[in-house]
Amino acid sequence: MSLKHLAAAALTAALATLGPAPAAAQEPLRIEITEGVIEPMPIALPRIQASPDAAVLAEEVRNVVISDLSGSGLFRIIDEAAYLSDGGSVD
């Protein structure tokens, strides 16, 4: 037996003692999600107390924010009747 064959046999024997490779090395990781609950986060958006000149603009901005957040499905707008205080002033 040549030295090359002897080295190959020794390497094969050494690798055989290590055992099979871990499962993670053989197959890609697979995660299966079968159930889930996604609830929108409640958020309060009180009215902005602005001067009479800016009141219309303040309400338009608030409505755009409400529309965007509730339309994303990630937020639920809390009813204004449940607010603990009025919105603050922008001044």
C-alpha atoms as a PDB file:
ATOM      1  CA  MET A   1       0.000   0.000   0.000  1.00  0.00           C
ATOM      2  CA  SER A   2       1.424   3.353  -0.993  1.00  0.00           C
ATOM      3  CA  LEU A   3       1.793   6.302   1.327  1.00  0.00           C
ATOM      4  CA  LYS A   4      -0.944   8.131  -0.591  1.00  0.00           C
ATOM      5  CA  HIS A   5      -3.410   5.256  -0.070  1.00  0.00           C
ATOM      6  CA  LEU A   6      -2.429   4.919   3.575  1.00  0.00           C
ATOM      7  CA  ALA A   7      -3.074   8.657   4.182  1.00  0.00           C
ATOM      8  CA  ALA A   8      -6.451   8.437   2.441  1.00  0.00           C
ATOM      9  CA  ALA A   9      -7.427   5.419   4.550  1.00  0.00           C
ATOM     10  CA  ALA A  10      -6.359   7.174   7.757  1.00  0.00           C
ATOM     11  CA  LEU A  11      -8.343  10.275   6.825  1.00  0.00           C
ATOM     12  CA  THR A  12     -11.406   8.169   6.002  1.00  0.00           C
ATOM     13  CA  ALA A  13     -11.141   6.359   9.357  1.00  0.00           C
ATOM     14  CA  ALA A  14     -10.756   9.644  11.235  1.00  0.00           C
ATOM     15  CA  LEU A  15     -13.787  11.157   9.547  1.00  0.00           C
ATOM     16  CA  ALA A  16     -15.848   8.043  10.251  1.00  0.00           C
ATOM     17  CA  THR A  17     -15.227   8.416  13.995  1.00  0.00           C
ATOM     18  CA  LEU A  18     -16.723  11.909  13.948  1.00  0.00           C
ATOM     19  CA  GLY A  19     -20.137  10.539  13.063  1.00  0.00           C
ATOM     20  CA  PRO A  20     -22.734  12.065  10.776  1.00  0.00           C
ATOM     21  CA  ALA A  21     -22.880  15.789  10.235  1.00  0.00           C
ATOM     22  CA  PRO A  22     -25.410  17.728  12.367  1.00  0.00           C
ATOM     23  CA  ALA A  23     -28.901  18.019  10.885  1.00  0.00           C
ATOM     24  CA  ALA A  24     -28.526  21.784  10.525  1.00  0.00           C
ATOM     25  CA  ALA A  25     -25.675  21.270   8.095  1.00  0.00           C
ATOM     26  CA  GLN A  26     -27.680  18.810   5.993  1.00  0.00           C
ATOM     27  CA  GLU A  27     -30.980  20.690   5.635  1.00  0.00           C
ATOM     28  CA  PRO A  28     -31.909  24.364   5.686  1.00  0.00           C
ATOM     29  CA  LEU A  29     -33.765  25.594   8.756  1.00  0.00           C
ATOM     30  CA  ARG A  30     -37.523  25.579   8.213  1.00  0.00           C
ATOM     31  CA  ILE A  31     -39.975  27.390  10.460  1.00  0.00           C
ATOM     32  CA  GLU A  32     -43.679  26.756  10.019  1.00  0.00           C
ATOM     33  CA  ILE A  33     -46.168  29.148  11.597  1.00  0.00           C
ATOM     34  CA  THR A  34     -49.594  27.585  11.814  1.00  0.00           C
ATOM     35  CA  GLU A  35     -51.431  30.146  13.947  1.00  0.00           C
ATOM     36  CA  GLY A  36     -51.080  33.715  15.005  1.00  0.00           C
ATOM     37  CA  VAL A  37     -52.937  36.666  16.405  1.00  0.00           C
ATOM     38  CA  ILE A  38     -52.234  40.169  15.198  1.00  0.00           C
ATOM     39  CA  GLU A  39     -54.084  42.858  17.088  1.00  0.00           C
ATOM     40  CA  PRO A  40     -53.777  46.511  16.160  1.00  0.00           C
ATOM     41  CA  MET A  41     -52.136  48.701  18.810  1.00  0.00           C
ATOM     42  CA  PRO A  42     -54.587  51.163  20.368  1.00  0.00           C
ATOM     43  CA  ILE A  43     -53.551  54.795  19.899  1.00  0.00           C
ATOM     44  CA  ALA A  44     -55.133  58.088  20.963  1.00  0.00           C
ATOM     45  CA  LEU A  45     -55.056  61.051  18.599  1.00  0.00           C
ATOM     46  CA  PRO A  46     -56.675  64.001  20.382  1.00  0.00           C
ATOM     47  CA  ARG A  47     -57.682  67.130  18.584  1.00  0.00           C
ATOM     48  CA  ILE A  48     -55.000  69.815  18.387  1.00  0.00           C
ATOM     49  CA  GLN A  49     -56.006  73.051  20.081  1.00  0.00           C
ATOM     50  CA  ALA A  50     -54.975  75.674  17.541  1.00  0.00           C
ATOM     51  CA  SER A  51     -55.782  79.302  16.835  1.00  0.00           C
ATOM     52  CA  PRO A  52     -58.914  79.943  14.739  1.00  0.00           C
ATOM     53  CA  ASP A  53     -56.703  80.588  11.689  1.00  0.00           C
ATOM     54  CA  ALA A  54     -54.990  77.208  12.020  1.00  0.00           C
ATOM     55  CA  ALA A  55     -57.920  75.121  13.298  1.00  0.00           C
ATOM     56  CA  VAL A  56     -58.937  73.841   9.859  1.00  0.00           C
ATOM     57  CA  LEU A  57     -55.367  72.886   8.957  1.00  0.00           C
ATOM     58  CA  ALA A  58     -54.853  71.205  12.346  1.00  0.00           C
ATOM     59  CA  GLU A  59     -57.986  69.102  11.848  1.00  0.00           C
ATOM     60  CA  GLU A  60     -56.938  68.149   8.304  1.00  0.00           C
ATOM     61  CA  VAL A  61     -53.511  67.033   9.526  1.00  0.00           C
ATOM     62  CA  ARG A  62     -55.115  64.992  12.318  1.00  0.00           C
ATOM     63  CA  ASN A  63     -57.499  63.325   9.854  1.00  0.00           C
ATOM     64  CA  VAL A  64     -54.628  62.382   7.523  1.00  0.00           C
ATOM     65  CA  VAL A  65     -52.681  60.854  10.417  1.00  0.00           C
ATOM     66  CA  ILE A  66     -55.766  58.935  11.593  1.00  0.00           C
ATOM     67  CA  SER A  67     -56.417  57.678   8.068  1.00  0.00           C
ATOM     68  CA  ASP A  68     -52.822  56.571   7.531  1.00  0.00           C
ATOM     69  CA  LEU A  69     -52.423  54.810  10.880  1.00  0.00           C
ATOM     70  CA  SER A  70     -55.775  53.037  10.876  1.00  0.00           C
ATOM     71  CA  GLY A  71     -55.387  52.142   7.193  1.00  0.00           C
ATOM     72  CA  SER A  72     -52.108  50.356   7.910  1.00  0.00           C
ATOM     73  CA  GLY A  73     -53.967  47.802  10.015  1.00  0.00           C
ATOM     74  CA  LEU A  74     -51.351  48.111  12.758  1.00  0.00           C
ATOM     75  CA  PHE A  75     -53.196  50.727  14.837  1.00  0.00           C
ATOM     76  CA  ARG A  76     -56.694  51.054  16.266  1.00  0.00           C
ATOM     77  CA  ILE A  77     -57.851  54.600  16.975  1.00  0.00           C
ATOM     78  CA  ILE A  78     -59.327  54.943  20.479  1.00  0.00           C
ATOM     79  CA  ASP A  79     -62.745  56.609  20.625  1.00  0.00           C
ATOM     80  CA  GLU A  80     -62.469  60.260  21.729  1.00  0.00           C
ATOM     81  CA  ALA A  81     -65.034  59.657  24.498  1.00  0.00           C
ATOM     82  CA  ALA A  82     -62.423  57.495  26.270  1.00  0.00           C
ATOM     83  CA  TYR A  83     -59.719  60.208  26.323  1.00  0.00           C
ATOM     84  CA  LEU A  84     -58.657  61.371  29.786  1.00  0.00           C
ATOM     85  CA  SER A  85     -57.863  64.931  28.680  1.00  0.00           C
ATOM     86  CA  ASP A  86     -58.128  67.249  25.695  1.00  0.00           C
ATOM     87  CA  GLY A  87     -55.319  67.652  23.221  1.00  0.00           C
ATOM     88  CA  GLY A  88     -52.608  70.189  23.901  1.00  0.00           C
ATOM     89  CA  SER A  89     -51.942  73.463  22.220  1.00  0.00           C
ATOM     90  CA  VAL A  90     -49.396  73.826  19.428  1.00  0.00           C
ATOM     91  CA  ASP A  91     -48.250  77.178  20.881  1.00  0.00           C
END
